[in-house]
Amino acid sequence: MPTRDPKREAHFPAIEKRYGEPMKHWFAVMKSVAGKRYPEQIAHLRENYGFSQAHANALVMFTRGSTTAHRHATPTDYFKTIDPQQARTMKGMFKVLRAAYPELKLVISWNQPILRTEKDYVFGASATSKYLLINPFSKAVIDAFTPKLKGYRVLKHTITIPNDWEIDEKLLVAMAKARIKEIR
């Protein structure tokens, strides 16, 4: 069963149990591939020792100095790490949606700001170097709104928007409404 603890070390007991060696052994294995790139280290663990992707990632990232999977404690922390224009656009989107649905909580999940109910994701956004991605967490919602998304790149789970997007409040609120209706 996957660990919910974001610390990479939380995987260590399962690694020892599943692969039959203490962590001291696995750290020695990692020393032997220390100069390799991340994908090569992952492949080494998977191909030679049967590691799962999650366990290989936890060990590789820990030995590279990343002790936790969490990069941002709060949405504010996240916004500080992206382009200021992207941050303004994202904050504006979340402001519109929180005004329409004050019961939603703005949290960090998957290292991104996401609006959620107590147990379900409703709307998320993330930044790349060239554009923003928005996600209503529903293929059905994306499919239903695709005709209204002319001019945008609509992907399987996300919609690409410009960094300086002029926020379409009606569209955002309607997408959130459809998603909330779907999960209730």
Protein backbone atom coordinates (compact mmCIF):
# COMPACT_ATOMS: atom_id res chain seq x y z
CA MET A 1 0.00 0.00 0.00
CA PRO A 2 1.44 3.40 -0.93
CA THR A 3 2.47 5.72 1.86
CA ARG A 4 0.62 9.00 2.37
CA ASP A 5 3.59 10.48 4.21
CA PRO A 6 5.37 12.87 1.83
CA LYS A 7 8.78 12.10 3.32
CA ARG A 8 10.87 9.85 1.07
CA GLU A 9 12.04 7.92 4.15
CA ALA A 10 8.48 6.74 4.73
CA HIS A 11 9.09 4.23 1.92
CA PHE A 12 12.17 2.74 3.55
CA PRO A 13 10.45 0.08 5.73
CA ALA A 14 8.52 -1.19 2.70
CA ILE A 15 11.70 -1.18 0.58
CA GLU A 16 13.54 -3.25 3.19
CA LYS A 17 10.66 -5.68 3.53
CA ARG A 18 9.91 -6.09 -0.18
CA TYR A 19 13.48 -6.31 -1.49
CA GLY A 20 15.01 -8.15 1.48
CA GLU A 21 17.95 -5.87 2.26
CA PRO A 22 18.52 -3.11 4.81
CA MET A 23 18.69 0.49 3.63
CA LYS A 24 22.47 0.46 4.18
CA HIS A 25 22.65 -2.00 1.25
CA TRP A 26 20.45 0.17 -0.99
CA PHE A 27 22.50 3.28 -0.22
CA ALA A 28 25.60 1.34 -1.31
CA VAL A 29 23.82 0.40 -4.55
CA MET A 30 23.01 4.07 -5.11
CA LYS A 31 26.65 5.00 -4.53
CA SER A 32 27.60 2.67 -7.37
CA VAL A 33 25.39 4.65 -9.77
CA ALA A 34 25.92 8.08 -8.22
CA GLY A 35 27.25 9.68 -11.42
CA LYS A 36 24.34 8.50 -13.55
CA ARG A 37 21.32 10.55 -14.59
CA TYR A 38 17.95 10.15 -12.82
CA PRO A 39 16.37 7.91 -15.51
CA GLU A 40 19.41 5.65 -15.54
CA GLN A 41 19.34 5.30 -11.75
CA ILE A 42 15.62 4.47 -11.82
CA ALA A 43 16.15 1.92 -14.60
CA HIS A 44 19.04 0.34 -12.66
CA LEU A 45 16.85 -0.26 -9.62
CA ARG A 46 13.89 -1.48 -11.64
CA GLU A 47 15.78 -3.75 -14.02
CA ASN A 48 18.34 -5.22 -11.61
CA TYR A 49 16.37 -5.40 -8.37
CA GLY A 50 12.69 -5.37 -9.40
CA PHE A 51 11.92 -2.06 -7.72
CA SER A 52 8.54 -0.48 -8.28
CA GLN A 53 8.55 3.02 -9.76
CA ALA A 54 7.46 4.54 -6.43
CA HIS A 55 10.18 2.79 -4.42
CA ALA A 56 12.87 3.54 -7.00
CA ASN A 57 11.83 7.20 -7.11
CA ALA A 58 11.86 7.49 -3.30
CA LEU A 59 15.36 6.01 -3.05
CA VAL A 60 16.84 7.91 -5.99
CA MET A 61 15.37 11.25 -4.92
CA PHE A 62 16.43 10.75 -1.29
CA THR A 63 20.02 10.00 -2.29
CA ARG A 64 19.93 13.12 -4.49
CA GLY A 65 19.02 15.24 -1.46
CA SER A 66 15.24 15.54 -1.86
CA THR A 67 13.81 14.30 1.42
CA THR A 68 10.15 15.05 0.72
CA ALA A 69 7.76 14.95 -2.21
CA HIS A 70 6.21 18.25 -1.07
CA ARG A 71 7.64 21.32 -2.76
CA HIS A 72 5.09 23.89 -1.59
CA ALA A 73 3.39 24.09 1.79
CA THR A 74 0.72 26.59 0.71
CA PRO A 75 -0.73 28.06 -2.49
CA THR A 76 1.06 31.31 -1.62
CA ASP A 77 4.38 29.42 -1.60
CA TYR A 78 3.53 27.98 -5.01
CA PHE A 79 2.67 31.39 -6.50
CA LYS A 80 6.05 32.74 -5.38
CA THR A 81 7.82 30.14 -7.54
CA ILE A 82 6.13 30.95 -10.85
CA ASP A 83 6.20 33.89 -13.25
CA PRO A 84 4.43 36.93 -11.71
CA GLN A 85 2.00 37.15 -14.67
CA GLN A 86 1.11 33.48 -14.28
CA ALA A 87 0.60 34.00 -10.54
CA ARG A 88 -1.75 36.95 -11.18
CA THR A 89 -3.79 34.93 -13.66
CA MET A 90 -4.01 31.90 -11.39
CA LYS A 91 -4.89 33.95 -8.32
CA GLY A 92 -7.62 35.67 -10.36
CA MET A 93 -9.09 32.34 -11.45
CA PHE A 94 -9.14 31.00 -7.92
CA LYS A 95 -10.65 34.26 -6.64
CA VAL A 96 -13.52 33.99 -9.14
CA LEU A 97 -14.19 30.36 -8.25
CA ARG A 98 -13.96 30.88 -4.50
CA ALA A 99 -16.41 33.80 -4.75
CA ALA A 100 -18.87 31.52 -6.56
CA TYR A 101 -18.18 28.49 -4.33
CA PRO A 102 -16.89 29.67 -0.94
CA GLU A 103 -17.19 26.14 0.46
CA LEU A 104 -14.28 24.99 -1.70
CA LYS A 105 -10.84 24.89 -0.13
CA LEU A 106 -7.72 26.06 -1.93
CA VAL A 107 -5.01 23.52 -1.10
CA ILE A 108 -1.77 22.18 -2.46
CA SER A 109 -2.07 18.68 -3.91
CA TRP A 110 0.32 17.12 -6.39
CA ASN A 111 2.48 20.21 -5.73
CA GLN A 112 -0.12 22.45 -7.40
CA PRO A 113 -2.93 24.71 -6.18
CA ILE A 114 -6.26 22.92 -6.34
CA LEU A 115 -9.80 23.74 -5.23
CA ARG A 116 -11.50 20.84 -3.57
CA THR A 117 -14.48 19.77 -1.54
CA GLU A 118 -13.79 17.72 1.58
CA LYS A 119 -12.87 14.73 -0.57
CA ASP A 120 -12.98 15.59 -4.29
CA TYR A 121 -10.95 17.79 -6.61
CA VAL A 122 -12.95 20.44 -8.46
CA PHE A 123 -10.46 22.68 -10.26
CA GLY A 124 -6.70 22.89 -10.48
CA ALA A 125 -4.09 24.89 -12.31
CA SER A 126 -0.41 24.56 -13.01
CA ALA A 127 2.25 26.63 -14.72
CA THR A 128 4.74 25.63 -17.39
CA SER A 129 7.40 27.93 -18.75
CA LYS A 130 5.18 29.04 -21.66
CA TYR A 131 1.54 28.65 -20.60
CA LEU A 132 -0.92 27.65 -17.88
CA LEU A 133 -2.90 24.44 -17.64
CA ILE A 134 -6.32 24.27 -16.03
CA ASN A 135 -7.97 21.04 -14.96
CA PRO A 136 -11.59 20.40 -13.97
CA PHE A 137 -10.64 16.83 -12.96
CA SER A 138 -13.23 15.33 -15.27
CA LYS A 139 -12.98 14.11 -18.83
CA ALA A 140 -16.78 14.48 -19.09
CA VAL A 141 -16.57 18.17 -18.11
CA ILE A 142 -13.77 18.79 -20.59
CA ASP A 143 -15.74 17.02 -23.33
CA ALA A 144 -18.90 18.99 -22.52
CA PHE A 145 -17.05 22.32 -22.67
CA THR A 146 -14.81 21.61 -25.66
CA PRO A 147 -17.17 23.47 -28.07
CA LYS A 148 -16.79 26.58 -25.87
CA LEU A 149 -13.01 26.25 -25.83
CA LYS A 150 -12.31 27.18 -29.44
CA GLY A 151 -8.87 28.70 -29.74
CA TYR A 152 -7.53 26.80 -26.73
CA ARG A 153 -5.54 23.61 -26.81
CA VAL A 154 -7.75 20.99 -25.19
CA LEU A 155 -5.90 17.91 -24.00
CA LYS A 156 -7.17 14.71 -22.42
CA HIS A 157 -7.21 16.06 -18.84
CA THR A 158 -6.28 19.72 -19.14
CA ILE A 159 -6.85 22.90 -21.10
CA THR A 160 -3.94 25.11 -22.12
CA ILE A 161 -4.43 28.85 -21.63
CA PRO A 162 -2.08 31.81 -22.09
CA ASN A 163 -0.15 33.16 -19.11
CA ASP A 164 -1.96 36.49 -19.41
CA TRP A 165 -5.40 34.96 -20.01
CA GLU A 166 -8.29 37.39 -19.73
CA ILE A 167 -10.26 35.34 -17.23
CA ASP A 168 -13.56 34.06 -18.59
CA GLU A 169 -15.50 34.08 -15.35
CA LYS A 170 -18.65 32.52 -16.82
CA LEU A 171 -16.68 29.65 -18.31
CA LEU A 172 -14.78 28.92 -15.09
CA VAL A 173 -17.89 29.04 -12.91
CA ALA A 174 -19.83 26.86 -15.36
CA MET A 175 -17.03 24.28 -15.46
CA ALA A 176 -16.82 24.20 -11.67
CA LYS A 177 -20.61 23.91 -11.43
CA ALA A 178 -20.58 20.94 -13.81
CA ARG A 179 -17.79 19.25 -11.85
CA ILE A 180 -19.53 19.82 -8.51
CA LYS A 181 -22.78 18.43 -9.93
CA GLU A 182 -20.87 15.38 -11.15
CA ILE A 183 -19.37 14.56 -7.75
CA ARG A 184 -22.51 15.12 -5.68
